[in-house]
């Protein structure tokens, strides 16, 4: 009887232990605390926290009053409010020069103009001027001007200009003024009206451009 009683107690104890173990296994884990918005840290936007630096204004390029230039002034047969059209020859060079800065008489020089560099401000017009119908820059890309027979003429100088343009050679009288000079160089300005048809530059009766053009130059010649 005693043995039975002890066996009963033992079985009850084992069952109780087993129930406790199961209860522990099924007990859910405590949820990890989620930081509230008030405790969460957010890094401030650096761009917003830093003071704004005012944007620097672009530096305006001041034109060089001593810079050289070559430009052609053109008009229409039927004058337009926008006349004259200014055609700039951006690339040009003095390829030869022989002179005495103190006395320019008998000086000589050679100037080369690069016609593909011309620009009038309107691409369509530039393409027409460069085309075979007008200057034909593909086959005659340069104008060569050779200056000789320089003589003093009042406040200016007179000279002879042998011009090779559009496959045609012409000799034209020109005048120029000295802007400044020193013992190594001289800067001059010249303006010349010429007839473009003398160089075969025309598209016939349908050409809207007047044949008379004016070329203006400011060039610096360095003593060789």
N, C-alpha and C. Protein backbone atom coordinates (compact mmCIF):
# COMPACT_ATOMS: atom_id res chain seq x y z
N UNK A 1 0.82 -1.20 0.00
CA UNK A 1 0.00 0.00 0.00
C UNK A 1 0.86 1.25 0.00
N UNK A 2 1.90 1.20 0.90
CA UNK A 2 2.83 2.32 0.95
C UNK A 2 3.49 2.55 -0.38
N UNK A 3 3.94 1.44 -0.97
CA UNK A 3 4.62 1.57 -2.27
C UNK A 3 3.70 2.21 -3.30
N UNK A 4 2.47 1.84 -3.26
CA UNK A 4 1.51 2.41 -4.21
C UNK A 4 1.35 3.89 -3.99
N UNK A 5 1.32 4.28 -2.68
CA UNK A 5 1.16 5.69 -2.33
C UNK A 5 2.34 6.51 -2.82
N UNK A 6 3.56 5.98 -2.60
CA UNK A 6 4.78 6.67 -3.03
C UNK A 6 4.85 6.78 -4.56
N UNK A 7 4.42 5.68 -5.21
CA UNK A 7 4.43 5.69 -6.68
C UNK A 7 3.50 6.77 -7.21
N UNK A 8 2.32 6.89 -6.54
CA UNK A 8 1.34 7.91 -6.98
C UNK A 8 1.92 9.30 -6.84
N UNK A 9 2.58 9.60 -5.70
CA UNK A 9 3.19 10.90 -5.46
C UNK A 9 4.27 11.19 -6.49
N UNK A 10 5.06 10.14 -6.78
CA UNK A 10 6.17 10.33 -7.74
C UNK A 10 5.63 10.70 -9.11
N UNK A 11 4.56 10.00 -9.52
CA UNK A 11 3.97 10.26 -10.84
C UNK A 11 3.41 11.66 -10.90
N UNK A 12 2.74 12.11 -9.82
CA UNK A 12 2.17 13.47 -9.77
C UNK A 12 3.28 14.51 -9.87
N UNK A 13 4.40 14.25 -9.17
CA UNK A 13 5.52 15.20 -9.20
C UNK A 13 6.11 15.30 -10.61
N UNK A 14 6.27 14.16 -11.26
CA UNK A 14 6.81 14.15 -12.63
C UNK A 14 5.91 14.90 -13.57
N UNK A 15 4.58 14.68 -13.46
CA UNK A 15 3.63 15.36 -14.34
C UNK A 15 3.64 16.87 -14.10
N UNK A 16 3.77 17.26 -12.83
CA UNK A 16 3.81 18.70 -12.53
C UNK A 16 5.04 19.36 -13.13
N UNK A 17 6.18 18.70 -13.04
CA UNK A 17 7.43 19.22 -13.61
C UNK A 17 7.32 19.37 -15.13
N UNK A 18 6.70 18.35 -15.73
CA UNK A 18 6.53 18.37 -17.19
C UNK A 18 5.65 19.51 -17.62
N UNK A 19 4.55 19.78 -16.85
CA UNK A 19 3.66 20.88 -17.19
C UNK A 19 4.35 22.23 -17.07
N UNK A 20 5.18 22.38 -16.02
CA UNK A 20 5.92 23.63 -15.84
C UNK A 20 6.89 23.87 -17.01
N UNK A 21 7.56 22.81 -17.44
CA UNK A 21 8.51 22.94 -18.56
C UNK A 21 7.80 23.36 -19.84
N UNK A 22 6.60 22.80 -20.08
CA UNK A 22 5.85 23.16 -21.29
C UNK A 22 5.40 24.60 -21.22
N UNK A 23 5.00 25.02 -20.01
CA UNK A 23 4.55 26.41 -19.86
C UNK A 23 5.66 27.38 -20.17
N UNK A 24 6.91 27.03 -19.77
CA UNK A 24 8.05 27.90 -20.05
C UNK A 24 8.32 27.99 -21.54
N UNK A 25 8.22 26.83 -22.22
CA UNK A 25 8.49 26.82 -23.67
C UNK A 25 7.48 27.65 -24.43
N UNK A 26 6.21 27.66 -24.04
CA UNK A 26 5.17 28.34 -24.76
C UNK A 26 5.05 29.81 -24.40
N UNK A 27 5.79 30.22 -23.32
CA UNK A 27 5.71 31.63 -22.91
C UNK A 27 6.32 32.53 -23.99
N UNK A 28 5.55 33.48 -24.55
CA UNK A 28 6.09 34.31 -25.66
C UNK A 28 7.19 35.23 -25.18
N UNK A 29 8.12 35.52 -26.09
CA UNK A 29 9.22 36.43 -25.79
C UNK A 29 8.69 37.85 -25.73
N UNK A 30 9.27 38.60 -24.84
CA UNK A 30 8.87 40.01 -24.73
C UNK A 30 9.32 40.76 -25.96
N UNK A 31 8.44 41.56 -26.51
CA UNK A 31 8.78 42.34 -27.72
C UNK A 31 9.84 43.38 -27.40
N UNK A 32 10.79 43.52 -28.34
CA UNK A 32 11.85 44.51 -28.14
C UNK A 32 11.26 45.91 -28.21
N UNK A 33 11.68 46.75 -27.31
CA UNK A 33 11.11 48.11 -27.32
C UNK A 33 11.45 48.86 -28.59
N UNK A 34 10.46 49.53 -29.17
CA UNK A 34 10.65 50.34 -30.37
C UNK A 34 10.85 51.78 -29.95
N UNK A 35 11.96 52.40 -30.36
CA UNK A 35 12.19 53.78 -29.94
C UNK A 35 11.10 54.69 -30.47
N UNK A 36 10.58 55.49 -29.60
CA UNK A 36 9.53 56.43 -30.00
C UNK A 36 10.12 57.54 -30.84
N UNK A 37 9.26 58.27 -31.57
CA UNK A 37 9.73 59.35 -32.42
C UNK A 37 10.43 60.43 -31.62
N UNK A 38 10.03 60.56 -30.36
CA UNK A 38 10.64 61.60 -29.54
C UNK A 38 12.05 61.27 -29.15
N UNK A 39 12.39 59.92 -29.09
CA UNK A 39 13.73 59.53 -28.69
C UNK A 39 14.60 59.23 -29.88
N UNK A 40 14.01 58.99 -31.11
CA UNK A 40 14.80 58.68 -32.30
C UNK A 40 15.61 59.89 -32.70
N UNK A 41 16.86 59.65 -33.10
CA UNK A 41 17.74 60.74 -33.51
C UNK A 41 17.82 60.79 -35.02
N UNK A 42 17.63 61.93 -35.61
CA UNK A 42 17.71 62.13 -37.06
C UNK A 42 18.78 63.15 -37.34
N UNK A 43 19.74 62.81 -38.25
CA UNK A 43 20.82 63.74 -38.57
C UNK A 43 20.26 64.91 -39.37
N UNK A 44 20.50 66.12 -38.94
CA UNK A 44 19.96 67.27 -39.68
C UNK A 44 20.56 67.38 -41.06
N UNK A 45 19.79 67.93 -41.99
CA UNK A 45 20.25 68.15 -43.36
C UNK A 45 21.39 69.17 -43.35
N UNK A 46 22.59 68.70 -43.76
CA UNK A 46 23.76 69.58 -43.72
C UNK A 46 23.56 70.81 -44.59
N UNK A 47 22.90 70.61 -45.76
CA UNK A 47 22.71 71.74 -46.66
C UNK A 47 21.84 72.81 -46.03
N UNK A 48 20.84 72.34 -45.20
CA UNK A 48 19.95 73.30 -44.57
C UNK A 48 20.60 73.99 -43.38
N UNK A 49 21.51 73.25 -42.71
CA UNK A 49 22.11 73.82 -41.51
C UNK A 49 23.22 74.81 -41.84
N UNK A 50 23.81 74.71 -43.02
CA UNK A 50 24.91 75.60 -43.38
C UNK A 50 24.37 76.88 -44.01
N UNK A 51 25.03 78.00 -43.76
CA UNK A 51 24.56 79.26 -44.35
C UNK A 51 24.76 79.25 -45.86
N UNK A 52 23.83 79.86 -46.57
CA UNK A 52 23.90 79.90 -48.03
C UNK A 52 24.94 80.92 -48.46
N UNK A 53 25.79 80.52 -49.41
CA UNK A 53 26.80 81.43 -49.95
C UNK A 53 26.26 82.05 -51.22
N UNK A 54 26.23 83.36 -51.31
CA UNK A 54 25.70 83.98 -52.53
C UNK A 54 26.49 83.58 -53.75
N UNK A 55 25.79 83.29 -54.85
CA UNK A 55 26.43 82.86 -56.09
C UNK A 55 27.18 84.03 -56.72
N UNK A 56 28.44 83.75 -57.06
CA UNK A 56 29.28 84.80 -57.63
C UNK A 56 28.79 85.17 -59.02
N UNK A 57 28.75 86.44 -59.31
CA UNK A 57 28.36 86.91 -60.63
C UNK A 57 29.48 86.62 -61.63
N UNK A 58 29.13 86.15 -62.87
CA UNK A 58 30.18 85.90 -63.86
C UNK A 58 30.91 87.18 -64.22
N UNK A 59 32.22 87.03 -64.38
CA UNK A 59 33.04 88.18 -64.71
C UNK A 59 32.80 88.59 -66.16
N UNK A 60 32.46 89.82 -66.37
CA UNK A 60 32.22 90.30 -67.72
C UNK A 60 33.54 90.59 -68.42
N UNK A 61 33.67 90.03 -69.61
CA UNK A 61 34.89 90.22 -70.37
C UNK A 61 34.87 91.59 -71.04
N UNK A 62 35.86 92.38 -70.72
CA UNK A 62 35.96 93.71 -71.30
C UNK A 62 36.70 93.62 -72.63
N UNK A 63 36.11 94.10 -73.72
CA UNK A 63 36.79 94.03 -75.02
C UNK A 63 38.13 94.74 -74.98
N UNK A 64 39.11 94.12 -75.62
CA UNK A 64 40.44 94.71 -75.69
C UNK A 64 40.44 95.78 -76.78
N UNK A 65 40.66 97.00 -76.35
CA UNK A 65 40.63 98.11 -77.31
C UNK A 65 41.76 98.01 -78.32
N UNK A 66 42.80 97.26 -77.99
CA UNK A 66 43.95 97.15 -78.89
C UNK A 66 43.91 95.87 -79.74
N UNK A 67 42.86 95.08 -79.57
CA UNK A 67 42.79 93.82 -80.30
C UNK A 67 42.61 94.07 -81.79
N UNK A 68 43.23 93.21 -82.59
CA UNK A 68 43.08 93.32 -84.04
C UNK A 68 41.76 92.74 -84.51
N UNK A 69 41.36 93.13 -85.71
CA UNK A 69 40.12 92.59 -86.27
C UNK A 69 40.16 92.73 -87.79
N UNK A 70 39.35 91.90 -88.42
CA UNK A 70 39.08 92.01 -89.85
C UNK A 70 37.58 91.78 -90.01
N UNK A 71 36.88 92.71 -90.62
CA UNK A 71 35.44 92.56 -90.81
C UNK A 71 35.02 93.17 -92.15
N UNK A 72 33.94 92.64 -92.67
CA UNK A 72 33.40 93.12 -93.94
C UNK A 72 31.99 93.64 -93.69
N UNK A 73 31.71 94.82 -94.20
CA UNK A 73 30.38 95.40 -94.08
C UNK A 73 29.65 95.23 -95.40
N UNK A 74 28.49 94.59 -95.34
CA UNK A 74 27.72 94.31 -96.56
C UNK A 74 26.33 94.90 -96.43
N UNK A 75 25.74 95.24 -97.58
CA UNK A 75 24.37 95.76 -97.62
C UNK A 75 23.57 94.98 -98.67
N UNK A 76 22.27 95.17 -98.64
CA UNK A 76 21.39 94.53 -99.61
C UNK A 76 21.11 95.49 -100.78
N UNK A 77 20.80 94.91 -101.91
CA UNK A 77 20.40 95.74 -103.05
C UNK A 77 19.17 96.56 -102.69
N UNK A 78 18.26 95.92 -102.01
CA UNK A 78 17.09 96.61 -101.47
C UNK A 78 17.42 96.87 -100.00
N UNK A 79 17.85 98.08 -99.64
CA UNK A 79 18.34 98.36 -98.29
C UNK A 79 17.39 97.89 -97.19
N UNK A 80 17.98 97.29 -96.16
CA UNK A 80 17.22 96.77 -95.04
C UNK A 80 17.55 97.55 -93.77
N UNK A 81 16.63 97.58 -92.79
CA UNK A 81 16.90 98.29 -91.53
C UNK A 81 18.12 97.74 -90.79
N UNK A 82 18.44 96.47 -91.04
CA UNK A 82 19.57 95.84 -90.35
C UNK A 82 20.91 96.09 -91.04
N UNK A 83 20.90 96.76 -92.19
CA UNK A 83 22.16 97.05 -92.88
C UNK A 83 22.99 98.06 -92.08
N UNK A 84 24.31 97.99 -92.13
CA UNK A 84 25.07 96.96 -92.84
C UNK A 84 25.19 95.67 -92.03
N UNK A 85 25.28 94.57 -92.75
CA UNK A 85 25.55 93.28 -92.12
C UNK A 85 27.05 93.20 -91.86
N UNK A 86 27.42 92.90 -90.62
CA UNK A 86 28.83 92.81 -90.26
C UNK A 86 29.26 91.34 -90.34
N UNK A 87 30.22 91.07 -91.21
CA UNK A 87 30.76 89.71 -91.37
C UNK A 87 32.17 89.72 -90.79
N UNK A 88 32.35 89.01 -89.69
CA UNK A 88 33.65 88.98 -89.02
C UNK A 88 34.50 87.83 -89.53
N UNK A 89 35.75 88.12 -89.85
CA UNK A 89 36.71 87.07 -90.19
C UNK A 89 37.50 86.81 -88.91
N UNK A 90 37.17 85.72 -88.22
CA UNK A 90 37.74 85.47 -86.89
C UNK A 90 39.22 85.10 -86.93
N UNK A 91 39.63 84.44 -88.02
CA UNK A 91 41.02 83.99 -88.10
C UNK A 91 41.75 84.73 -89.23
N UNK A 92 42.84 85.36 -88.86
CA UNK A 92 43.68 86.04 -89.85
C UNK A 92 45.09 86.14 -89.27
N UNK A 93 46.05 86.37 -90.12
CA UNK A 93 47.43 86.44 -89.63
C UNK A 93 48.29 87.28 -90.56
N UNK A 94 49.30 87.90 -89.98
CA UNK A 94 50.33 88.59 -90.74
C UNK A 94 51.46 87.58 -90.93
N UNK A 95 51.62 87.09 -92.14
CA UNK A 95 52.60 86.03 -92.39
C UNK A 95 53.99 86.57 -92.71
N UNK A 96 54.06 87.82 -93.19
CA UNK A 96 55.35 88.44 -93.51
C UNK A 96 55.26 89.93 -93.22
N UNK A 97 56.37 90.50 -92.79
CA UNK A 97 56.41 91.95 -92.58
C UNK A 97 57.86 92.42 -92.56
N UNK A 98 58.11 93.46 -93.32
CA UNK A 98 59.44 94.06 -93.35
C UNK A 98 59.26 95.58 -93.38
N UNK A 99 59.76 96.27 -92.33
CA UNK A 99 59.53 97.71 -92.24
C UNK A 99 60.42 98.32 -91.16
N UNK A 100 60.53 99.63 -91.23
CA UNK A 100 61.19 100.41 -90.21
C UNK A 100 60.11 101.16 -89.46
N UNK A 101 59.88 100.86 -88.16
CA UNK A 101 58.78 101.53 -87.43
C UNK A 101 58.87 103.05 -87.45
N UNK A 102 60.07 103.57 -87.57
CA UNK A 102 60.25 105.02 -87.60
C UNK A 102 59.95 105.62 -88.96
N UNK A 103 59.95 104.78 -90.00
CA UNK A 103 59.71 105.26 -91.36
C UNK A 103 59.12 104.11 -92.17
N UNK A 104 57.78 104.13 -92.35
CA UNK A 104 57.10 103.01 -92.99
C UNK A 104 57.19 103.02 -94.51
N UNK A 105 57.74 104.04 -95.08
CA UNK A 105 57.86 104.05 -96.55
C UNK A 105 58.72 102.88 -97.01
N UNK A 106 58.27 102.29 -98.11
CA UNK A 106 58.91 101.11 -98.69
C UNK A 106 58.73 99.85 -97.83
N UNK A 107 57.83 99.89 -96.88
CA UNK A 107 57.53 98.68 -96.11
C UNK A 107 56.75 97.70 -96.98
N UNK A 108 56.75 96.44 -96.59
CA UNK A 108 55.93 95.44 -97.28
C UNK A 108 55.46 94.40 -96.26
N UNK A 109 54.34 93.79 -96.56
CA UNK A 109 53.76 92.80 -95.64
C UNK A 109 52.82 91.89 -96.39
N UNK A 110 52.51 90.77 -95.77
CA UNK A 110 51.56 89.82 -96.34
C UNK A 110 50.55 89.43 -95.27
N UNK A 111 49.27 89.46 -95.63
CA UNK A 111 48.18 89.15 -94.70
C UNK A 111 47.34 88.02 -95.29
N UNK A 112 46.98 87.06 -94.45
CA UNK A 112 46.15 85.93 -94.90
C UNK A 112 44.86 85.90 -94.08
N UNK A 113 43.72 85.87 -94.78
CA UNK A 113 42.42 85.78 -94.14
C UNK A 113 41.86 84.37 -94.31
N UNK A 114 41.33 83.81 -93.25
CA UNK A 114 40.77 82.46 -93.27
C UNK A 114 39.25 82.55 -93.43
N UNK A 115 38.76 82.34 -94.64
CA UNK A 115 37.34 82.53 -94.92
C UNK A 115 36.39 81.55 -94.21
N UNK A 116 36.79 80.28 -93.97
CA UNK A 116 35.87 79.40 -93.23
C UNK A 116 35.55 79.91 -91.82
N UNK A 117 36.34 80.86 -91.32
CA UNK A 117 36.08 81.38 -89.96
C UNK A 117 35.09 82.53 -89.95
N UNK A 118 34.55 82.90 -91.12
CA UNK A 118 33.64 84.05 -91.17
C UNK A 118 32.35 83.76 -90.39
N UNK A 119 31.80 84.81 -89.82
CA UNK A 119 30.55 84.68 -89.07
C UNK A 119 29.78 85.99 -89.15
N UNK A 120 28.49 85.89 -89.44
CA UNK A 120 27.64 87.08 -89.54
C UNK A 120 26.55 87.11 -88.47
N UNK A 121 26.52 86.07 -87.63
CA UNK A 121 25.51 86.01 -86.58
C UNK A 121 24.30 85.18 -86.95
N UNK A 122 24.18 84.77 -88.21
CA UNK A 122 23.07 83.91 -88.65
C UNK A 122 23.67 82.73 -89.41
N UNK A 123 23.49 81.53 -88.88
CA UNK A 123 24.12 80.35 -89.45
C UNK A 123 23.71 80.11 -90.91
N UNK A 124 22.42 80.28 -91.20
CA UNK A 124 21.93 80.05 -92.57
C UNK A 124 22.64 80.99 -93.54
N UNK A 125 22.80 82.23 -93.15
CA UNK A 125 23.48 83.20 -94.02
C UNK A 125 24.96 82.84 -94.17
N UNK A 126 25.58 82.42 -93.06
CA UNK A 126 26.99 82.02 -93.12
C UNK A 126 27.19 80.87 -94.09
N UNK A 127 26.29 79.90 -94.04
CA UNK A 127 26.40 78.74 -94.94
C UNK A 127 26.26 79.18 -96.40
N UNK A 128 25.39 80.16 -96.66
CA UNK A 128 25.24 80.67 -98.03
C UNK A 128 26.52 81.37 -98.48
N UNK A 129 27.09 82.20 -97.61
CA UNK A 129 28.30 82.93 -97.96
C UNK A 129 29.47 81.97 -98.24
N UNK A 130 29.52 80.87 -97.50
CA UNK A 130 30.62 79.92 -97.67
C UNK A 130 30.41 78.97 -98.84
N UNK A 131 29.20 78.90 -99.34
CA UNK A 131 28.86 77.92 -100.37
C UNK A 131 29.52 78.23 -101.71
N UNK A 132 29.43 77.24 -102.62
CA UNK A 132 29.98 77.41 -103.97
C UNK A 132 29.27 78.50 -104.74
N UNK A 133 28.06 78.87 -104.31
CA UNK A 133 27.32 79.94 -105.00
C UNK A 133 27.88 81.33 -104.70
N UNK A 134 28.73 81.40 -103.66
CA UNK A 134 29.24 82.73 -103.29
C UNK A 134 30.76 82.70 -103.13
N UNK A 135 31.28 82.48 -101.93
CA UNK A 135 32.74 82.52 -101.74
C UNK A 135 33.43 81.21 -102.08
N UNK A 136 32.69 80.11 -102.05
CA UNK A 136 33.26 78.79 -102.37
C UNK A 136 34.50 78.52 -101.51
N UNK A 137 34.33 78.59 -100.19
CA UNK A 137 35.47 78.46 -99.28
C UNK A 137 36.10 77.07 -99.31
N UNK A 138 35.36 76.08 -99.80
CA UNK A 138 35.94 74.74 -99.90
C UNK A 138 37.12 74.73 -100.87
N UNK A 139 36.99 75.44 -101.99
CA UNK A 139 38.04 75.46 -103.00
C UNK A 139 38.96 76.67 -102.88
N UNK A 140 38.45 77.77 -102.32
CA UNK A 140 39.28 78.97 -102.14
C UNK A 140 39.12 79.46 -100.70
N UNK A 141 39.77 78.76 -99.76
CA UNK A 141 39.55 79.06 -98.34
C UNK A 141 40.27 80.30 -97.82
N UNK A 142 41.18 80.86 -98.61
CA UNK A 142 41.97 81.99 -98.11
C UNK A 142 41.91 83.19 -99.05
N UNK A 143 42.08 84.34 -98.43
CA UNK A 143 42.35 85.57 -99.18
C UNK A 143 43.75 86.01 -98.79
N UNK A 144 44.59 86.26 -99.77
CA UNK A 144 45.97 86.71 -99.52
C UNK A 144 46.10 88.15 -99.99
N UNK A 145 46.62 89.00 -99.10
CA UNK A 145 46.81 90.42 -99.42
C UNK A 145 48.28 90.76 -99.23
N UNK A 146 48.91 91.25 -100.29
CA UNK A 146 50.32 91.63 -100.24
C UNK A 146 50.44 93.15 -100.37
N UNK A 147 51.00 93.78 -99.34
CA UNK A 147 51.13 95.23 -99.29
C UNK A 147 52.53 95.65 -99.73
N UNK A 148 52.59 96.66 -100.60
CA UNK A 148 53.89 97.18 -101.06
C UNK A 148 53.72 98.64 -101.47
N UNK A 149 54.84 99.26 -101.89
CA UNK A 149 54.82 100.65 -102.38
C UNK A 149 54.21 101.62 -101.35
N UNK A 150 54.60 101.47 -100.10
CA UNK A 150 54.05 102.32 -99.05
C UNK A 150 54.68 103.72 -99.15
N UNK A 151 53.80 104.72 -99.15
CA UNK A 151 54.26 106.12 -99.24
C UNK A 151 53.47 106.97 -98.24
N UNK A 152 54.15 107.95 -97.68
CA UNK A 152 53.49 108.88 -96.77
C UNK A 152 52.50 109.74 -97.56
N UNK A 153 51.28 109.92 -96.99
CA UNK A 153 50.25 110.72 -97.66
C UNK A 153 49.51 111.53 -96.60
N UNK A 154 49.99 112.72 -96.29
CA UNK A 154 49.39 113.53 -95.23
C UNK A 154 49.55 112.86 -93.88
N UNK A 155 48.42 112.68 -93.17
CA UNK A 155 48.44 112.02 -91.87
C UNK A 155 48.36 110.50 -91.98
N UNK A 156 48.27 109.99 -93.20
CA UNK A 156 48.12 108.56 -93.42
C UNK A 156 49.22 108.07 -94.37
N UNK A 157 49.04 106.82 -94.81
CA UNK A 157 49.97 106.23 -95.77
C UNK A 157 49.15 105.64 -96.92
N UNK A 158 49.69 105.73 -98.11
CA UNK A 158 49.09 105.10 -99.28
C UNK A 158 49.94 103.88 -99.64
N UNK A 159 49.30 102.88 -100.20
CA UNK A 159 50.02 101.66 -100.56
C UNK A 159 49.30 100.94 -101.68
N UNK A 160 49.96 99.91 -102.16
CA UNK A 160 49.37 99.05 -103.20
C UNK A 160 49.09 97.70 -102.57
N UNK A 161 47.89 97.16 -102.79
CA UNK A 161 47.51 95.85 -102.24
C UNK A 161 47.21 94.89 -103.37
N UNK A 162 48.04 93.87 -103.48
CA UNK A 162 47.78 92.79 -104.44
C UNK A 162 46.92 91.76 -103.71
N UNK A 163 45.68 91.58 -104.20
CA UNK A 163 44.71 90.73 -103.51
C UNK A 163 44.42 89.49 -104.35
N UNK A 164 44.57 88.33 -103.72
CA UNK A 164 44.21 87.05 -104.36
C UNK A 164 43.00 86.50 -103.62
N UNK A 165 41.84 86.50 -104.30
CA UNK A 165 40.60 86.04 -103.66
C UNK A 165 39.71 85.35 -104.68
N UNK A 166 39.11 84.25 -104.28
CA UNK A 166 38.16 83.53 -105.13
C UNK A 166 38.78 83.14 -106.47
N UNK A 167 40.10 82.87 -106.44
CA UNK A 167 40.81 82.45 -107.65
C UNK A 167 41.17 83.58 -108.59
N UNK A 168 40.96 84.83 -108.17
CA UNK A 168 41.23 86.00 -109.03
C UNK A 168 42.21 86.92 -108.32
N UNK A 169 43.12 87.50 -109.09
CA UNK A 169 44.13 88.41 -108.53
C UNK A 169 43.87 89.83 -109.04
N UNK A 170 43.80 90.77 -108.10
CA UNK A 170 43.60 92.18 -108.44
C UNK A 170 44.56 93.03 -107.61
N UNK A 171 44.98 94.15 -108.18
CA UNK A 171 45.79 95.11 -107.44
C UNK A 171 44.95 96.35 -107.18
N UNK A 172 44.83 96.71 -105.89
CA UNK A 172 43.98 97.82 -105.48
C UNK A 172 44.77 98.86 -104.70
N UNK A 173 44.46 100.13 -104.86
CA UNK A 173 45.09 101.15 -104.02
C UNK A 173 44.42 101.15 -102.64
N UNK A 174 45.23 101.31 -101.60
CA UNK A 174 44.70 101.34 -100.24
C UNK A 174 45.38 102.45 -99.44
N UNK A 175 44.73 102.85 -98.37
CA UNK A 175 45.33 103.80 -97.43
C UNK A 175 45.17 103.24 -96.02
N UNK A 176 46.07 103.63 -95.12
CA UNK A 176 45.96 103.19 -93.73
C UNK A 176 46.56 104.24 -92.80
N UNK A 177 46.14 104.18 -91.55
CA UNK A 177 46.66 105.08 -90.53
C UNK A 177 47.37 104.29 -89.44
N UNK A 178 48.41 104.89 -88.89
CA UNK A 178 49.13 104.27 -87.78
C UNK A 178 48.42 104.63 -86.48
N UNK A 179 48.06 103.61 -85.70
CA UNK A 179 47.40 103.82 -84.42
C UNK A 179 48.42 103.97 -83.30
N UNK A 180 49.42 103.12 -83.32
CA UNK A 180 50.51 103.21 -82.34
C UNK A 180 51.71 102.43 -82.89
N UNK A 181 52.88 102.76 -82.36
CA UNK A 181 54.09 102.08 -82.80
C UNK A 181 55.17 102.19 -81.73
N UNK A 182 56.11 101.29 -81.80
CA UNK A 182 57.32 101.36 -80.97
C UNK A 182 58.47 100.87 -81.81
N UNK A 183 59.59 100.57 -81.19
CA UNK A 183 60.77 100.20 -81.99
C UNK A 183 60.69 98.78 -82.54
N UNK A 184 59.64 98.00 -82.17
CA UNK A 184 59.54 96.62 -82.64
C UNK A 184 58.25 96.32 -83.41
N UNK A 185 57.26 97.18 -83.30
CA UNK A 185 55.98 96.86 -83.95
C UNK A 185 55.23 98.14 -84.31
N UNK A 186 54.23 97.96 -85.16
CA UNK A 186 53.35 99.07 -85.54
C UNK A 186 51.94 98.52 -85.70
N UNK A 187 50.96 99.28 -85.23
CA UNK A 187 49.56 98.88 -85.38
C UNK A 187 48.87 99.88 -86.29
N UNK A 188 48.12 99.35 -87.27
CA UNK A 188 47.49 100.22 -88.25
C UNK A 188 46.01 99.89 -88.38
N UNK A 189 45.26 100.86 -88.91
CA UNK A 189 43.86 100.66 -89.25
C UNK A 189 43.66 101.04 -90.71
N UNK A 190 42.83 100.26 -91.39
CA UNK A 190 42.56 100.52 -92.81
C UNK A 190 41.11 100.21 -93.13
N UNK A 191 40.59 100.92 -94.12
CA UNK A 191 39.23 100.68 -94.61
C UNK A 191 39.23 100.83 -96.12
N UNK A 192 38.59 99.86 -96.80
CA UNK A 192 38.62 99.87 -98.26
C UNK A 192 37.27 99.42 -98.82
N UNK A 193 36.69 100.23 -99.71
CA UNK A 193 35.48 99.84 -100.43
C UNK A 193 35.90 99.15 -101.73
N UNK A 194 35.30 97.99 -102.00
CA UNK A 194 35.66 97.27 -103.23
C UNK A 194 34.42 96.62 -103.82
N UNK A 195 34.53 96.26 -105.09
CA UNK A 195 33.43 95.63 -105.82
C UNK A 195 33.65 94.12 -105.81
N UNK A 196 32.74 93.39 -105.16
CA UNK A 196 32.90 91.93 -105.06
C UNK A 196 32.86 91.25 -106.41
N UNK A 197 32.17 91.85 -107.37
CA UNK A 197 32.10 91.23 -108.70
C UNK A 197 33.45 91.25 -109.40
N UNK A 198 34.38 92.13 -108.98
CA UNK A 198 35.73 92.11 -109.54
C UNK A 198 36.44 90.79 -109.24
N UNK A 199 35.98 90.09 -108.20
CA UNK A 199 36.58 88.80 -107.84
C UNK A 199 35.63 87.65 -108.15
N UNK A 200 34.65 87.92 -109.02
CA UNK A 200 33.72 86.86 -109.43
C UNK A 200 32.80 86.41 -108.32
N UNK A 201 32.61 87.24 -107.29
CA UNK A 201 31.74 86.88 -106.17
C UNK A 201 30.35 87.45 -106.43
N UNK A 202 29.50 86.66 -107.04
CA UNK A 202 28.13 87.08 -107.35
C UNK A 202 27.31 85.85 -107.71
N UNK A 203 26.01 85.94 -107.50
CA UNK A 203 25.11 84.85 -107.90
C UNK A 203 24.13 85.32 -108.96
N UNK A 204 24.49 86.41 -109.63
CA UNK A 204 23.65 86.88 -110.72
C UNK A 204 22.53 87.79 -110.27
N UNK A 205 21.51 87.89 -111.12
CA UNK A 205 20.41 88.83 -110.89
C UNK A 205 19.62 88.52 -109.62
N UNK A 206 19.60 87.26 -109.22
CA UNK A 206 18.84 86.87 -108.02
C UNK A 206 19.59 87.13 -106.72
N UNK A 207 20.84 87.59 -106.83
CA UNK A 207 21.62 87.88 -105.64
C UNK A 207 21.05 89.11 -104.94
N UNK A 208 20.69 88.97 -103.67
CA UNK A 208 20.11 90.08 -102.91
C UNK A 208 21.18 91.01 -102.34
N UNK A 209 22.45 90.60 -102.42
CA UNK A 209 23.52 91.39 -101.83
C UNK A 209 24.02 92.46 -102.80
N UNK A 210 24.24 93.64 -102.30
CA UNK A 210 24.83 94.69 -103.13
C UNK A 210 26.29 94.33 -103.39
N UNK A 211 26.81 94.59 -104.60
CA UNK A 211 28.18 94.18 -104.93
C UNK A 211 29.25 94.97 -104.18
N UNK A 212 28.95 96.18 -103.77
CA UNK A 212 29.96 97.00 -103.10
C UNK A 212 30.06 96.60 -101.62
N UNK A 213 31.26 96.24 -101.21
CA UNK A 213 31.53 95.82 -99.84
C UNK A 213 32.62 96.72 -99.25
N UNK A 214 32.66 96.78 -97.95
CA UNK A 214 33.72 97.52 -97.26
C UNK A 214 34.46 96.57 -96.33
N UNK A 215 35.78 96.53 -96.46
CA UNK A 215 36.58 95.73 -95.54
C UNK A 215 37.30 96.67 -94.58
N UNK A 216 37.22 96.36 -93.29
CA UNK A 216 37.88 97.14 -92.25
C UNK A 216 38.86 96.25 -91.51
N UNK A 217 40.03 96.81 -91.20
CA UNK A 217 41.07 96.03 -90.53
C UNK A 217 41.76 96.84 -89.45
N UNK A 218 42.14 96.15 -88.39
CA UNK A 218 43.12 96.68 -87.46
C UNK A 218 44.15 95.56 -87.27
N UNK A 219 45.39 95.85 -87.66
CA UNK A 219 46.43 94.82 -87.65
C UNK A 219 47.68 95.32 -86.97
N UNK A 220 48.38 94.40 -86.33
CA UNK A 220 49.67 94.70 -85.72
C UNK A 220 50.75 93.97 -86.49
N UNK A 221 51.76 94.72 -86.92
CA UNK A 221 52.89 94.14 -87.64
C UNK A 221 54.11 94.17 -86.71
N UNK A 222 54.70 93.01 -86.54
CA UNK A 222 55.91 92.91 -85.72
C UNK A 222 57.14 92.87 -86.60
N UNK A 223 58.14 93.62 -86.20
CA UNK A 223 59.38 93.69 -86.99
C UNK A 223 60.11 92.36 -86.91
N UNK A 224 60.46 91.83 -88.10
CA UNK A 224 61.13 90.56 -88.15
C UNK A 224 62.61 90.64 -87.85
